[in-house]
């Protein structure tokens, strides 16, 4: 397990990703801006694009927007609001969703890294601090962030690691976030 070199410059966006969360983060040159919406949104929040997000999409003028998560996180009606705010066609707003957060992360990885990746990052899917911290490093390294459970690696994660065939996997978090047996399972799964 190794960590990649660091350092990248920000450039104009090629697209945006909308996901469940509470922060906005800038990204390195080969990544895309990430705009996050509220975790566990109310019905109203789930069905309405926040005005700050709409403003930012208008400022960024992305060519595409990828929405992460199913309709329980971001309602279908929000996709047209995103297209309108970004000034793009509805077909340029794409949803990537799985049965759960682990499979959603794996599906996003497969979409962004169809030919594999040199490095993959894994972090607990139970809280997002480690995964958010990994995102800039993963983007710089040209690899995905996959999610795991503290005491077991989900099939979606180990299957995606096997498909990616990375030369290194960086596991973030201490033993409370990813215990030793899960760490070992992740290490041998690719």
N, C-alpha and C. Protein backbone atom coordinates (compact mmCIF):
# COMPACT_ATOMS: atom_id res chain seq x y z
N UNK A 1 0.84 -1.17 0.00
CA UNK A 1 0.00 0.00 0.00
C UNK A 1 0.89 1.24 0.00
N UNK A 2 0.69 2.10 -0.97
CA UNK A 2 1.50 3.30 -1.08
C UNK A 2 0.60 4.50 -1.30
N UNK A 3 1.15 5.66 -1.11
CA UNK A 3 0.39 6.86 -1.43
C UNK A 3 1.06 7.55 -2.62
N UNK A 4 0.27 8.22 -3.46
CA UNK A 4 0.80 8.81 -4.68
C UNK A 4 1.51 10.13 -4.44
N UNK A 5 2.22 10.60 -5.46
CA UNK A 5 2.79 11.94 -5.38
C UNK A 5 1.67 12.97 -5.43
N UNK A 6 1.95 14.15 -4.99
CA UNK A 6 0.91 15.17 -4.92
C UNK A 6 1.25 16.33 -5.84
N UNK A 7 0.25 17.20 -6.07
CA UNK A 7 0.47 18.43 -6.80
C UNK A 7 -0.29 18.45 -8.11
N UNK A 8 -1.11 19.45 -8.28
CA UNK A 8 -1.85 19.63 -9.53
C UNK A 8 -2.36 21.06 -9.56
N UNK A 9 -2.70 21.52 -10.73
CA UNK A 9 -3.25 22.87 -10.89
C UNK A 9 -4.73 22.77 -11.21
N UNK A 10 -5.49 23.77 -10.80
CA UNK A 10 -6.90 23.81 -11.17
C UNK A 10 -7.05 24.42 -12.55
N UNK A 11 -7.97 23.89 -13.34
CA UNK A 11 -8.25 24.43 -14.65
C UNK A 11 -9.75 24.55 -14.81
N UNK A 12 -10.19 24.98 -15.98
CA UNK A 12 -11.63 25.12 -16.21
C UNK A 12 -12.31 23.75 -16.18
N UNK A 13 -13.54 23.70 -15.73
CA UNK A 13 -14.21 22.42 -15.55
C UNK A 13 -14.65 21.78 -16.86
N UNK A 14 -14.65 20.45 -16.88
CA UNK A 14 -15.20 19.69 -18.00
C UNK A 14 -16.56 19.14 -17.63
N UNK A 15 -16.91 19.16 -16.38
CA UNK A 15 -18.18 18.62 -15.94
C UNK A 15 -18.31 18.81 -14.44
N UNK A 16 -19.42 18.41 -13.90
CA UNK A 16 -19.64 18.51 -12.47
C UNK A 16 -20.25 17.21 -11.97
N UNK A 17 -20.07 16.96 -10.70
CA UNK A 17 -20.67 15.80 -10.07
C UNK A 17 -21.49 16.31 -8.90
N UNK A 18 -22.73 15.88 -8.83
CA UNK A 18 -23.59 16.22 -7.70
C UNK A 18 -23.73 14.95 -6.87
N UNK A 19 -23.47 15.04 -5.58
CA UNK A 19 -23.53 13.86 -4.72
C UNK A 19 -24.09 14.25 -3.36
N UNK A 20 -24.41 13.26 -2.57
CA UNK A 20 -24.90 13.51 -1.24
C UNK A 20 -23.73 13.92 -0.35
N UNK A 21 -23.87 14.95 0.46
CA UNK A 21 -22.81 15.43 1.33
C UNK A 21 -23.10 16.85 1.78
N UNK A 22 -22.08 17.54 2.30
CA UNK A 22 -22.32 18.90 2.77
C UNK A 22 -21.26 19.91 2.37
N UNK A 23 -20.26 19.54 1.60
CA UNK A 23 -19.18 20.45 1.30
C UNK A 23 -19.04 20.66 -0.20
N UNK A 24 -18.36 21.74 -0.58
CA UNK A 24 -17.95 21.94 -1.96
C UNK A 24 -16.43 21.92 -1.97
N UNK A 25 -15.84 21.24 -2.94
CA UNK A 25 -14.39 21.13 -2.99
C UNK A 25 -13.89 21.45 -4.39
N UNK A 26 -12.73 22.07 -4.47
CA UNK A 26 -12.07 22.27 -5.74
C UNK A 26 -11.31 21.00 -6.10
N UNK A 27 -10.86 20.90 -7.34
CA UNK A 27 -10.22 19.67 -7.77
C UNK A 27 -9.00 19.94 -8.63
N UNK A 28 -8.14 18.94 -8.79
CA UNK A 28 -6.99 19.06 -9.67
C UNK A 28 -7.41 19.06 -11.14
N UNK A 29 -6.45 19.29 -12.00
CA UNK A 29 -6.74 19.49 -13.42
C UNK A 29 -7.42 18.32 -14.09
N UNK A 30 -7.14 17.07 -13.71
CA UNK A 30 -7.79 15.99 -14.42
C UNK A 30 -9.02 15.48 -13.72
N UNK A 31 -9.53 16.20 -12.79
CA UNK A 31 -10.76 15.82 -12.12
C UNK A 31 -11.84 16.83 -12.45
N UNK A 32 -12.99 16.64 -11.86
CA UNK A 32 -14.12 17.53 -12.11
C UNK A 32 -14.56 18.15 -10.79
N UNK A 33 -15.17 19.33 -10.86
CA UNK A 33 -15.68 19.94 -9.63
C UNK A 33 -16.72 19.03 -8.98
N UNK A 34 -16.77 19.06 -7.69
CA UNK A 34 -17.72 18.24 -6.95
C UNK A 34 -18.59 19.17 -6.13
N UNK A 35 -19.88 19.15 -6.39
CA UNK A 35 -20.83 19.95 -5.64
C UNK A 35 -21.70 18.99 -4.87
N UNK A 36 -21.77 19.17 -3.58
CA UNK A 36 -22.49 18.22 -2.74
C UNK A 36 -23.76 18.83 -2.19
N UNK A 37 -24.77 17.98 -2.02
CA UNK A 37 -26.03 18.41 -1.43
C UNK A 37 -26.19 17.78 -0.06
N UNK A 38 -27.23 18.13 0.65
CA UNK A 38 -27.39 17.70 2.03
C UNK A 38 -27.51 16.18 2.20
N UNK A 39 -26.85 15.63 3.28
CA UNK A 39 -27.05 14.22 3.58
C UNK A 39 -28.45 14.01 4.17
N UNK A 40 -29.00 12.86 3.95
CA UNK A 40 -30.34 12.51 4.44
C UNK A 40 -31.32 13.66 4.22
N UNK A 41 -31.51 14.03 2.96
CA UNK A 41 -32.34 15.20 2.67
C UNK A 41 -33.81 14.96 2.99
N UNK A 42 -34.49 16.03 3.36
CA UNK A 42 -35.94 15.96 3.52
C UNK A 42 -36.55 15.83 2.13
N UNK A 43 -37.83 15.55 2.04
CA UNK A 43 -38.50 15.44 0.74
C UNK A 43 -38.34 16.73 -0.06
N UNK A 44 -38.49 17.86 0.58
CA UNK A 44 -38.33 19.14 -0.11
C UNK A 44 -36.90 19.33 -0.60
N UNK A 45 -35.92 19.04 0.27
CA UNK A 45 -34.52 19.19 -0.12
C UNK A 45 -34.14 18.21 -1.23
N UNK A 46 -34.68 17.01 -1.18
CA UNK A 46 -34.39 15.99 -2.17
C UNK A 46 -34.97 16.35 -3.53
N UNK A 47 -36.00 17.17 -3.52
CA UNK A 47 -36.73 17.51 -4.75
C UNK A 47 -36.39 18.88 -5.31
N UNK A 48 -35.50 19.62 -4.65
CA UNK A 48 -35.19 20.98 -5.07
C UNK A 48 -33.68 21.18 -5.13
N UNK A 49 -33.19 21.70 -6.23
CA UNK A 49 -31.77 22.04 -6.35
C UNK A 49 -31.50 23.26 -5.48
N UNK A 50 -30.57 23.17 -4.53
CA UNK A 50 -30.27 24.34 -3.70
C UNK A 50 -29.83 25.52 -4.57
N UNK A 51 -30.25 26.72 -4.21
CA UNK A 51 -29.94 27.90 -5.02
C UNK A 51 -28.44 28.12 -5.15
N UNK A 52 -27.66 27.84 -4.10
CA UNK A 52 -26.20 28.00 -4.19
C UNK A 52 -25.61 27.03 -5.22
N UNK A 53 -26.16 25.82 -5.29
CA UNK A 53 -25.69 24.84 -6.26
C UNK A 53 -26.07 25.28 -7.67
N UNK A 54 -27.29 25.79 -7.84
CA UNK A 54 -27.73 26.29 -9.15
C UNK A 54 -26.84 27.43 -9.61
N UNK A 55 -26.52 28.35 -8.71
CA UNK A 55 -25.65 29.47 -9.04
C UNK A 55 -24.27 28.99 -9.46
N UNK A 56 -23.74 28.03 -8.73
CA UNK A 56 -22.41 27.51 -9.05
C UNK A 56 -22.41 26.77 -10.39
N UNK A 57 -23.45 26.02 -10.67
CA UNK A 57 -23.55 25.35 -11.97
C UNK A 57 -23.59 26.38 -13.10
N UNK A 58 -24.31 27.47 -12.89
CA UNK A 58 -24.35 28.54 -13.88
C UNK A 58 -22.99 29.19 -14.07
N UNK A 59 -22.24 29.32 -13.01
CA UNK A 59 -20.90 29.91 -13.09
C UNK A 59 -19.93 28.97 -13.80
N UNK A 60 -20.03 27.68 -13.50
CA UNK A 60 -19.09 26.71 -14.06
C UNK A 60 -19.35 26.39 -15.53
N UNK A 61 -20.61 26.43 -15.94
CA UNK A 61 -21.00 26.06 -17.31
C UNK A 61 -20.42 24.70 -17.73
N UNK A 62 -20.69 23.64 -16.95
CA UNK A 62 -20.14 22.33 -17.31
C UNK A 62 -20.78 21.79 -18.59
N UNK A 63 -20.06 20.91 -19.28
CA UNK A 63 -20.63 20.24 -20.45
C UNK A 63 -21.50 19.07 -20.05
N UNK A 64 -21.14 18.44 -18.94
CA UNK A 64 -21.93 17.32 -18.41
C UNK A 64 -21.99 17.44 -16.90
N UNK A 65 -23.01 16.83 -16.32
CA UNK A 65 -23.14 16.73 -14.87
C UNK A 65 -23.47 15.29 -14.55
N UNK A 66 -22.74 14.70 -13.62
CA UNK A 66 -23.01 13.34 -13.16
C UNK A 66 -23.59 13.45 -11.77
N UNK A 67 -24.78 12.88 -11.60
CA UNK A 67 -25.46 12.87 -10.30
C UNK A 67 -25.22 11.51 -9.67
N UNK A 68 -24.68 11.51 -8.45
CA UNK A 68 -24.39 10.26 -7.76
C UNK A 68 -25.50 9.93 -6.78
N UNK A 69 -25.98 8.69 -6.85
CA UNK A 69 -27.00 8.23 -5.92
C UNK A 69 -28.35 8.13 -6.58
N UNK A 70 -29.19 7.34 -5.97
CA UNK A 70 -30.52 7.10 -6.49
C UNK A 70 -31.50 8.21 -6.15
N UNK A 71 -32.75 7.95 -6.43
CA UNK A 71 -33.78 8.96 -6.22
C UNK A 71 -34.04 9.26 -4.74
N UNK A 72 -33.61 8.38 -3.86
CA UNK A 72 -33.74 8.67 -2.43
C UNK A 72 -32.80 9.79 -2.01
N UNK A 73 -31.71 9.98 -2.76
CA UNK A 73 -30.76 11.04 -2.46
C UNK A 73 -31.04 12.29 -3.28
N UNK A 74 -31.30 12.13 -4.59
CA UNK A 74 -31.56 13.25 -5.49
C UNK A 74 -32.73 12.85 -6.37
N UNK A 75 -33.87 13.50 -6.19
CA UNK A 75 -35.08 13.16 -6.94
C UNK A 75 -34.88 13.38 -8.43
N UNK A 76 -35.61 12.60 -9.24
CA UNK A 76 -35.51 12.73 -10.70
C UNK A 76 -35.77 14.15 -11.18
N UNK A 77 -36.73 14.86 -10.57
CA UNK A 77 -37.05 16.21 -10.99
C UNK A 77 -35.90 17.18 -10.86
N UNK A 78 -34.95 16.89 -9.97
CA UNK A 78 -33.80 17.76 -9.79
C UNK A 78 -32.88 17.72 -11.01
N UNK A 79 -32.90 16.61 -11.75
CA UNK A 79 -32.03 16.51 -12.92
C UNK A 79 -32.35 17.59 -13.96
N UNK A 80 -33.64 17.87 -14.17
CA UNK A 80 -34.00 18.93 -15.12
C UNK A 80 -33.63 20.30 -14.55
N UNK A 81 -33.72 20.47 -13.23
CA UNK A 81 -33.30 21.72 -12.61
C UNK A 81 -31.79 21.92 -12.80
N UNK A 82 -31.04 20.83 -12.70
CA UNK A 82 -29.59 20.89 -12.90
C UNK A 82 -29.29 21.31 -14.33
N UNK A 83 -29.95 20.66 -15.29
CA UNK A 83 -29.73 20.99 -16.71
C UNK A 83 -30.02 22.46 -16.97
N UNK A 84 -31.12 22.94 -16.43
CA UNK A 84 -31.50 24.33 -16.63
C UNK A 84 -30.47 25.28 -16.01
N UNK A 85 -30.06 25.00 -14.78
CA UNK A 85 -29.10 25.86 -14.10
C UNK A 85 -27.75 25.88 -14.81
N UNK A 86 -27.35 24.72 -15.35
CA UNK A 86 -26.05 24.61 -16.02
C UNK A 86 -26.10 25.08 -17.47
N UNK A 87 -27.32 25.25 -18.00
CA UNK A 87 -27.47 25.65 -19.39
C UNK A 87 -27.11 24.55 -20.37
N UNK A 88 -27.44 23.30 -20.00
CA UNK A 88 -27.12 22.15 -20.84
C UNK A 88 -28.39 21.34 -21.11
N UNK A 89 -28.32 20.42 -22.05
CA UNK A 89 -29.48 19.59 -22.35
C UNK A 89 -29.69 18.56 -21.25
N UNK A 90 -30.90 18.08 -21.12
CA UNK A 90 -31.22 17.06 -20.12
C UNK A 90 -30.39 15.80 -20.33
N UNK A 91 -30.03 15.49 -21.58
CA UNK A 91 -29.23 14.30 -21.84
C UNK A 91 -27.78 14.44 -21.36
N UNK A 92 -27.38 15.65 -21.01
CA UNK A 92 -26.03 15.88 -20.49
C UNK A 92 -25.97 15.75 -18.98
N UNK A 93 -27.10 15.42 -18.35
CA UNK A 93 -27.15 15.15 -16.91
C UNK A 93 -27.36 13.65 -16.76
N UNK A 94 -26.39 12.98 -16.16
CA UNK A 94 -26.39 11.52 -16.07
C UNK A 94 -26.39 11.10 -14.61
N UNK A 95 -27.22 10.11 -14.27
CA UNK A 95 -27.24 9.58 -12.91
C UNK A 95 -26.41 8.30 -12.87
N UNK A 96 -25.55 8.19 -11.85
CA UNK A 96 -24.82 6.95 -11.56
C UNK A 96 -25.29 6.50 -10.19
N UNK A 97 -25.95 5.36 -10.15
CA UNK A 97 -26.50 4.87 -8.88
C UNK A 97 -26.40 3.36 -8.81
N UNK A 98 -26.22 2.88 -7.62
CA UNK A 98 -26.23 1.45 -7.36
C UNK A 98 -27.25 1.15 -6.28
N UNK A 99 -27.28 -0.07 -5.86
CA UNK A 99 -28.23 -0.48 -4.82
C UNK A 99 -27.92 0.17 -3.48
N UNK A 100 -26.67 0.56 -3.28
CA UNK A 100 -26.23 1.19 -2.03
C UNK A 100 -25.00 2.05 -2.35
N UNK A 101 -24.47 2.69 -1.34
CA UNK A 101 -23.33 3.60 -1.55
C UNK A 101 -22.08 2.88 -2.05
N UNK A 102 -21.90 1.63 -1.61
CA UNK A 102 -20.73 0.86 -2.04
C UNK A 102 -20.80 0.55 -3.54
N UNK A 103 -21.95 0.13 -4.00
CA UNK A 103 -22.09 -0.17 -5.42
C UNK A 103 -22.15 1.11 -6.26
N UNK A 104 -22.65 2.20 -5.70
CA UNK A 104 -22.62 3.47 -6.43
C UNK A 104 -21.17 3.90 -6.66
N UNK A 105 -20.33 3.79 -5.63
CA UNK A 105 -18.91 4.14 -5.79
C UNK A 105 -18.24 3.24 -6.82
N UNK A 106 -18.56 1.95 -6.80
CA UNK A 106 -17.98 1.02 -7.77
C UNK A 106 -18.45 1.34 -9.19
N UNK A 107 -19.72 1.69 -9.35
CA UNK A 107 -20.23 2.05 -10.68
C UNK A 107 -19.59 3.33 -11.20
N UNK A 108 -19.39 4.30 -10.32
CA UNK A 108 -18.71 5.52 -10.74
C UNK A 108 -17.28 5.21 -11.17
N UNK A 109 -16.61 4.36 -10.41
CA UNK A 109 -15.25 3.96 -10.76
C UNK A 109 -15.21 3.31 -12.15
N UNK A 110 -16.13 2.40 -12.40
CA UNK A 110 -16.17 1.71 -13.70
C UNK A 110 -16.44 2.69 -14.84
N UNK A 111 -17.25 3.70 -14.57
CA UNK A 111 -17.57 4.70 -15.60
C UNK A 111 -16.35 5.59 -15.90
N UNK A 112 -15.66 6.01 -14.86
CA UNK A 112 -14.55 6.95 -15.02
C UNK A 112 -13.25 6.24 -15.41
N UNK A 113 -13.09 4.99 -14.97
CA UNK A 113 -11.85 4.25 -15.23
C UNK A 113 -12.16 2.93 -15.94
N UNK A 114 -12.68 2.99 -17.16
CA UNK A 114 -13.08 1.76 -17.85
C UNK A 114 -11.92 0.83 -18.18
N UNK A 115 -10.71 1.36 -18.26
CA UNK A 115 -9.53 0.54 -18.61
C UNK A 115 -8.67 0.22 -17.40
N UNK A 116 -9.17 0.45 -16.19
CA UNK A 116 -8.40 0.20 -14.99
C UNK A 116 -7.76 1.48 -14.47
N UNK A 117 -7.02 1.36 -13.39
CA UNK A 117 -6.38 2.52 -12.76
C UNK A 117 -5.10 2.08 -12.07
N UNK A 118 -4.08 2.94 -12.04
CA UNK A 118 -2.81 2.56 -11.41
C UNK A 118 -2.90 2.48 -9.89
N UNK A 119 -3.77 3.27 -9.31
CA UNK A 119 -3.93 3.33 -7.86
C UNK A 119 -5.41 3.42 -7.55
N UNK A 120 -5.82 2.79 -6.47
CA UNK A 120 -7.19 2.93 -5.98
C UNK A 120 -7.13 3.28 -4.50
N UNK A 121 -8.09 4.06 -4.07
CA UNK A 121 -8.21 4.44 -2.67
C UNK A 121 -9.46 3.78 -2.11
N UNK A 122 -9.40 3.33 -0.87
CA UNK A 122 -10.59 2.82 -0.20
C UNK A 122 -10.72 3.54 1.13
N UNK A 123 -11.96 3.78 1.51
CA UNK A 123 -12.24 4.45 2.78
C UNK A 123 -13.59 3.96 3.27
N UNK A 124 -13.84 4.16 4.53
CA UNK A 124 -15.11 3.74 5.11
C UNK A 124 -16.28 4.44 4.43
N UNK A 125 -17.30 3.69 4.13
CA UNK A 125 -18.53 4.24 3.59
C UNK A 125 -19.52 4.59 4.69
N UNK A 126 -19.12 4.42 5.93
CA UNK A 126 -20.02 4.70 7.06
C UNK A 126 -19.98 6.17 7.46
N UNK A 127 -18.86 6.84 7.23
CA UNK A 127 -18.75 8.28 7.40
C UNK A 127 -17.86 8.76 6.26
N UNK A 128 -17.99 10.01 5.89
CA UNK A 128 -17.37 10.43 4.65
C UNK A 128 -16.09 11.23 4.80
N UNK A 129 -15.60 11.44 6.01
CA UNK A 129 -14.41 12.26 6.18
C UNK A 129 -13.20 11.68 5.45
N UNK A 130 -12.93 10.39 5.61
CA UNK A 130 -11.77 9.79 4.96
C UNK A 130 -11.93 9.78 3.44
N UNK A 131 -13.12 9.47 2.95
CA UNK A 131 -13.35 9.45 1.50
C UNK A 131 -13.20 10.85 0.91
N UNK A 132 -13.71 11.86 1.59
CA UNK A 132 -13.54 13.24 1.11
C UNK A 132 -12.09 13.65 1.12
N UNK A 133 -11.36 13.24 2.15
CA UNK A 133 -9.94 13.56 2.22
C UNK A 133 -9.17 12.86 1.10
N UNK A 134 -9.61 11.68 0.70
CA UNK A 134 -8.93 10.91 -0.35
C UNK A 134 -9.16 11.46 -1.74
N UNK A 135 -10.26 12.16 -1.95
CA UNK A 135 -10.65 12.56 -3.31
C UNK A 135 -9.58 13.34 -4.07
N UNK A 136 -8.96 14.38 -3.50
CA UNK A 136 -7.94 15.10 -4.27
C UNK A 136 -6.72 14.23 -4.60
N UNK A 137 -6.29 13.41 -3.64
CA UNK A 137 -5.14 12.53 -3.90
C UNK A 137 -5.48 11.49 -4.95
N UNK A 138 -6.68 10.94 -4.88
CA UNK A 138 -7.10 9.94 -5.88
C UNK A 138 -7.17 10.57 -7.26
N UNK A 139 -7.69 11.77 -7.35
CA UNK A 139 -7.77 12.46 -8.64
C UNK A 139 -6.37 12.72 -9.20
N UNK A 140 -5.46 13.14 -8.35
CA UNK A 140 -4.09 13.38 -8.77
C UNK A 140 -3.42 12.09 -9.24
N UNK A 141 -3.71 10.98 -8.55
CA UNK A 141 -3.12 9.69 -8.90
C UNK A 141 -3.81 9.02 -10.08
N UNK A 142 -4.95 9.56 -10.49
CA UNK A 142 -5.69 8.94 -11.59
C UNK A 142 -6.39 7.67 -11.19
N UNK A 143 -6.96 7.67 -9.99
CA UNK A 143 -7.65 6.48 -9.50
C UNK A 143 -8.92 6.83 -8.76
N UNK A 144 -9.76 5.83 -8.50
CA UNK A 144 -11.04 6.06 -7.83
C UNK A 144 -10.93 6.01 -6.32
N UNK A 145 -12.00 6.44 -5.66
CA UNK A 145 -12.20 6.21 -4.23
C UNK A 145 -13.34 5.21 -4.14
N UNK A 146 -13.05 4.05 -3.57
CA UNK A 146 -14.07 3.03 -3.35
C UNK A 146 -14.37 2.98 -1.86
N UNK A 147 -15.57 2.53 -1.53
CA UNK A 147 -16.00 2.52 -0.13
C UNK A 147 -16.01 1.11 0.43
N UNK A 148 -15.73 1.01 1.73
CA UNK A 148 -15.76 -0.27 2.41
C UNK A 148 -16.48 -0.13 3.74
N UNK A 149 -16.78 -1.25 4.36
CA UNK A 149 -17.34 -1.26 5.71
C UNK A 149 -16.18 -1.44 6.68
N UNK A 150 -16.36 -1.08 7.94
CA UNK A 150 -15.27 -1.25 8.90
C UNK A 150 -14.84 -2.71 9.08
N UNK A 151 -15.78 -3.65 9.03
CA UNK A 151 -15.44 -5.04 9.34
C UNK A 151 -15.58 -6.00 8.16
N UNK A 152 -15.91 -5.48 6.98
CA UNK A 152 -15.98 -6.34 5.80
C UNK A 152 -15.94 -5.49 4.54
N UNK A 153 -15.32 -6.04 3.52
CA UNK A 153 -15.27 -5.33 2.23
C UNK A 153 -16.45 -5.79 1.40
N UNK A 154 -17.32 -4.88 0.97
CA UNK A 154 -18.49 -5.25 0.17
C UNK A 154 -18.06 -5.88 -1.16
N UNK A 155 -18.88 -6.79 -1.66
CA UNK A 155 -18.59 -7.44 -2.94
C UNK A 155 -18.39 -6.42 -4.05
N UNK A 156 -19.19 -5.36 -4.07
CA UNK A 156 -19.05 -4.34 -5.12
C UNK A 156 -17.65 -3.74 -5.11
N UNK A 157 -17.08 -3.54 -3.94
CA UNK A 157 -15.75 -2.96 -3.81
C UNK A 157 -14.67 -3.94 -4.25
N UNK A 158 -14.74 -5.16 -3.76
CA UNK A 158 -13.70 -6.13 -4.13
C UNK A 158 -13.78 -6.50 -5.61
N UNK A 159 -14.98 -6.58 -6.15
CA UNK A 159 -15.15 -6.86 -7.58
C UNK A 159 -14.55 -5.74 -8.42
N UNK A 160 -14.80 -4.49 -8.01
CA UNK A 160 -14.26 -3.35 -8.76
C UNK A 160 -12.74 -3.29 -8.62
N UNK A 161 -12.20 -3.59 -7.45
CA UNK A 161 -10.74 -3.62 -7.31
C UNK A 161 -10.13 -4.69 -8.23
N UNK A 162 -10.76 -5.84 -8.32
CA UNK A 162 -10.26 -6.89 -9.21
C UNK A 162 -10.30 -6.44 -10.67
N UNK A 163 -11.36 -5.73 -11.05
CA UNK A 163 -11.48 -5.25 -12.43
C UNK A 163 -10.44 -4.18 -12.72
N UNK A 164 -10.22 -3.27 -11.77
CA UNK A 164 -9.27 -2.17 -11.96
C UNK A 164 -7.83 -2.65 -12.08
N UNK A 165 -7.47 -3.67 -11.32
CA UNK A 165 -6.11 -4.20 -11.27
C UNK A 165 -5.08 -3.11 -10.96
N UNK A 166 -5.29 -2.34 -9.89
CA UNK A 166 -4.32 -1.29 -9.57
C UNK A 166 -3.01 -1.88 -9.06
N UNK A 167 -1.91 -1.16 -9.27
CA UNK A 167 -0.63 -1.62 -8.73
C UNK A 167 -0.52 -1.29 -7.24
N UNK A 168 -1.35 -0.35 -6.77
CA UNK A 168 -1.37 -0.05 -5.34
C UNK A 168 -2.78 0.34 -4.92
N UNK A 169 -3.07 0.03 -3.66
CA UNK A 169 -4.34 0.42 -3.04
C UNK A 169 -4.00 1.16 -1.76
N UNK A 170 -4.56 2.34 -1.60
CA UNK A 170 -4.36 3.13 -0.40
C UNK A 170 -5.63 3.01 0.44
N UNK A 171 -5.49 2.51 1.66
CA UNK A 171 -6.63 2.37 2.56
C UNK A 171 -6.56 3.50 3.58
N UNK A 172 -7.61 4.31 3.63
CA UNK A 172 -7.62 5.45 4.54
C UNK A 172 -8.38 5.13 5.81
N UNK A 173 -7.93 5.71 6.90
CA UNK A 173 -8.59 5.54 8.19
C UNK A 173 -7.86 4.55 9.06
N UNK A 174 -8.07 4.68 10.34
CA UNK A 174 -7.46 3.77 11.30
C UNK A 174 -8.26 2.50 11.44
N UNK A 175 -7.90 1.66 12.42
CA UNK A 175 -8.55 0.37 12.58
C UNK A 175 -10.04 0.45 12.94
N UNK A 176 -10.50 1.57 13.47
CA UNK A 176 -11.93 1.71 13.74
C UNK A 176 -12.70 1.96 12.44
N UNK A 177 -12.04 2.56 11.46
CA UNK A 177 -12.69 2.83 10.17
C UNK A 177 -12.60 1.62 9.25
N UNK A 178 -11.44 0.96 9.22
CA UNK A 178 -11.20 -0.23 8.40
C UNK A 178 -10.33 -1.16 9.23
N UNK A 179 -10.94 -2.25 9.75
CA UNK A 179 -10.17 -3.13 10.63
C UNK A 179 -9.15 -3.96 9.85
N UNK A 180 -8.27 -4.64 10.59
CA UNK A 180 -7.15 -5.37 9.98
C UNK A 180 -7.61 -6.46 9.02
N UNK A 181 -8.68 -7.18 9.35
CA UNK A 181 -9.13 -8.26 8.45
C UNK A 181 -9.70 -7.68 7.15
N UNK A 182 -10.41 -6.56 7.23
CA UNK A 182 -10.92 -5.91 6.02
C UNK A 182 -9.77 -5.37 5.19
N UNK A 183 -8.78 -4.77 5.87
CA UNK A 183 -7.59 -4.27 5.19
C UNK A 183 -6.91 -5.41 4.43
N UNK A 184 -6.75 -6.55 5.07
CA UNK A 184 -6.11 -7.71 4.43
C UNK A 184 -6.94 -8.21 3.26
N UNK A 185 -8.25 -8.23 3.41
CA UNK A 185 -9.13 -8.70 2.32
C UNK A 185 -9.03 -7.76 1.11
N UNK A 186 -8.99 -6.47 1.36
CA UNK A 186 -8.84 -5.50 0.28
C UNK A 186 -7.48 -5.69 -0.40
N UNK A 187 -6.44 -5.91 0.40
CA UNK A 187 -5.08 -6.06 -0.12
C UNK A 187 -4.94 -7.26 -1.04
N UNK A 188 -5.66 -8.33 -0.78
CA UNK A 188 -5.52 -9.55 -1.60
C UNK A 188 -6.60 -9.66 -2.68
N UNK A 189 -7.51 -8.70 -2.73
CA UNK A 189 -8.63 -8.83 -3.67
C UNK A 189 -8.28 -8.42 -5.08
N UNK A 190 -7.15 -7.82 -5.29
CA UNK A 190 -6.82 -7.38 -6.64
C UNK A 190 -5.60 -8.09 -7.17
